[in-house]
Protein backbone atom coordinates (compact mmCIF):
# COMPACT_ATOMS: atom_id res chain seq x y z
CA MET A 1 3.17 -63.93 -24.19
CA ILE A 2 4.43 -67.20 -25.64
CA THR A 3 7.23 -68.71 -23.39
CA ARG A 4 7.89 -71.97 -25.01
CA LEU A 5 7.22 -73.64 -28.38
CA GLU A 6 7.64 -77.46 -29.05
CA VAL A 7 7.19 -78.85 -32.51
CA ASP A 8 7.67 -82.35 -34.02
CA GLY A 9 6.89 -83.28 -37.59
CA PHE A 10 6.48 -79.81 -39.13
CA LYS A 11 8.84 -79.21 -42.11
CA SER A 12 12.43 -79.45 -40.84
CA LEU A 13 11.46 -79.30 -37.02
CA ARG A 14 11.82 -82.72 -35.31
CA SER A 15 11.79 -82.83 -31.64
CA PHE A 16 12.24 -79.06 -31.57
CA ALA A 17 11.84 -77.05 -28.45
CA VAL A 18 12.75 -73.40 -27.76
CA ASP A 19 12.13 -71.29 -24.65
CA LEU A 20 11.26 -67.69 -25.64
CA GLU A 21 11.86 -64.47 -23.81
CA PRO A 22 9.95 -61.09 -24.24
CA PHE A 23 12.34 -60.27 -27.07
CA THR A 24 13.70 -63.26 -29.09
CA VAL A 25 15.76 -63.04 -32.36
CA PHE A 26 16.41 -66.00 -34.56
CA ILE A 27 19.76 -65.86 -36.17
CA GLY A 28 21.44 -68.72 -38.16
CA PRO A 29 22.66 -69.88 -41.58
CA ASN A 30 20.32 -70.55 -44.47
CA SER A 31 18.21 -73.68 -44.25
CA ALA A 32 18.60 -73.79 -40.38
CA GLY A 33 14.86 -73.73 -39.80
CA LYS A 34 14.25 -70.06 -38.71
CA SER A 35 11.38 -69.48 -41.19
CA ASN A 36 9.86 -72.86 -40.25
CA VAL A 37 9.56 -71.80 -36.67
CA LEU A 38 7.73 -68.72 -37.70
CA GLU A 39 5.54 -70.78 -40.05
CA ALA A 40 4.79 -73.21 -37.24
CA LEU A 41 3.47 -70.27 -35.18
CA GLY A 42 1.45 -68.96 -38.20
CA LEU A 43 -0.13 -72.49 -38.67
CA LEU A 44 -1.08 -72.56 -34.96
CA SER A 45 -2.59 -69.07 -35.23
CA ARG A 46 -4.74 -70.09 -38.27
CA LEU A 47 -5.81 -73.35 -36.58
CA ALA A 48 -7.36 -71.29 -33.80
CA SER A 49 -9.80 -69.70 -36.27
CA GLN A 50 -9.98 -71.92 -39.42
CA PRO A 51 -10.79 -75.55 -40.24
CA ILE A 52 -7.65 -77.74 -40.42
CA ALA A 53 -7.62 -78.04 -44.24
CA GLU A 54 -7.87 -74.32 -44.71
CA ALA A 55 -5.18 -73.67 -42.14
CA PHE A 56 -2.79 -75.95 -44.02
CA LYS A 57 -3.67 -74.60 -47.46
CA ALA A 58 -2.83 -71.06 -46.28
CA GLY A 59 0.82 -72.18 -45.42
CA ARG A 60 3.84 -72.13 -47.75
CA GLY A 61 3.74 -75.02 -50.05
CA ARG A 62 1.25 -77.85 -50.46
CA PRO A 63 -0.38 -79.20 -47.30
CA GLY A 64 1.67 -82.49 -47.69
CA ASP A 65 4.87 -80.49 -47.97
CA GLN A 66 4.45 -79.22 -44.34
CA PHE A 67 5.06 -82.64 -42.81
CA THR A 68 8.76 -83.50 -42.09
CA ARG A 69 10.50 -85.57 -44.64
CA ALA A 70 13.58 -87.81 -44.18
CA GLY A 71 14.79 -89.10 -47.44
CA ALA A 72 11.68 -90.87 -48.94
CA GLU A 73 9.94 -91.08 -45.61
CA THR A 74 7.17 -88.46 -44.65
CA ALA A 75 6.08 -87.95 -41.08
CA GLN A 76 2.60 -89.36 -40.44
CA ALA A 77 1.85 -86.84 -37.76
CA MET A 78 2.70 -83.45 -36.23
CA SER A 79 2.51 -82.38 -32.69
CA PHE A 80 2.66 -78.84 -31.19
CA ALA A 81 2.89 -77.52 -27.65
CA VAL A 82 2.75 -73.86 -26.70
CA GLU A 83 3.26 -72.57 -23.20
CA PHE A 84 2.19 -69.08 -22.55
CA VAL A 85 1.69 -66.39 -19.79
CA PHE A 86 -1.58 -64.68 -19.64
CA PHE A 87 -1.45 -61.09 -18.33
CA GLY A 88 -4.68 -59.78 -16.77
CA GLU A 89 -5.80 -56.16 -16.80
CA TYR A 90 -3.31 -53.43 -15.91
CA SER A 91 -3.63 -49.73 -15.25
CA PHE A 92 -1.89 -47.21 -17.43
CA GLY A 93 1.61 -46.47 -16.14
CA SER A 94 1.92 -49.68 -14.19
CA PRO A 95 3.47 -53.08 -15.33
CA PRO A 96 0.89 -55.72 -15.99
CA ILE A 97 0.56 -58.24 -13.04
CA PRO A 98 -0.12 -61.83 -13.95
CA PRO A 99 -3.10 -63.31 -12.07
CA PRO A 100 -2.39 -66.44 -9.97
CA GLN A 101 -3.20 -68.85 -12.72
CA SER A 102 -1.33 -67.25 -15.46
CA ARG A 103 0.73 -69.98 -17.19
CA PHE A 104 -1.06 -72.28 -19.72
CA ARG A 105 0.12 -75.09 -21.99
């Protein structure tokens, strides 16, 4: 389960960080960045199994459009950090118990 997402330089997300609970809902006005958070997660998912160029091509817009823009300036880099809890095996009817080393970044 993802517990924290940090993004910088992706679309409208600059120095963005959010702690996530087991059930998180994003609510806000249009153009607030809700879709960009989900697209950042999608990009990270694609990067786990595809070459970088292919992962960016599968995103919404051209690859260059996925970098943060401020006026005429375009970000030269992106950074992502994901923290998650890994749950080991569990038996039916019992809640999963995290192993001792269960948090990763």
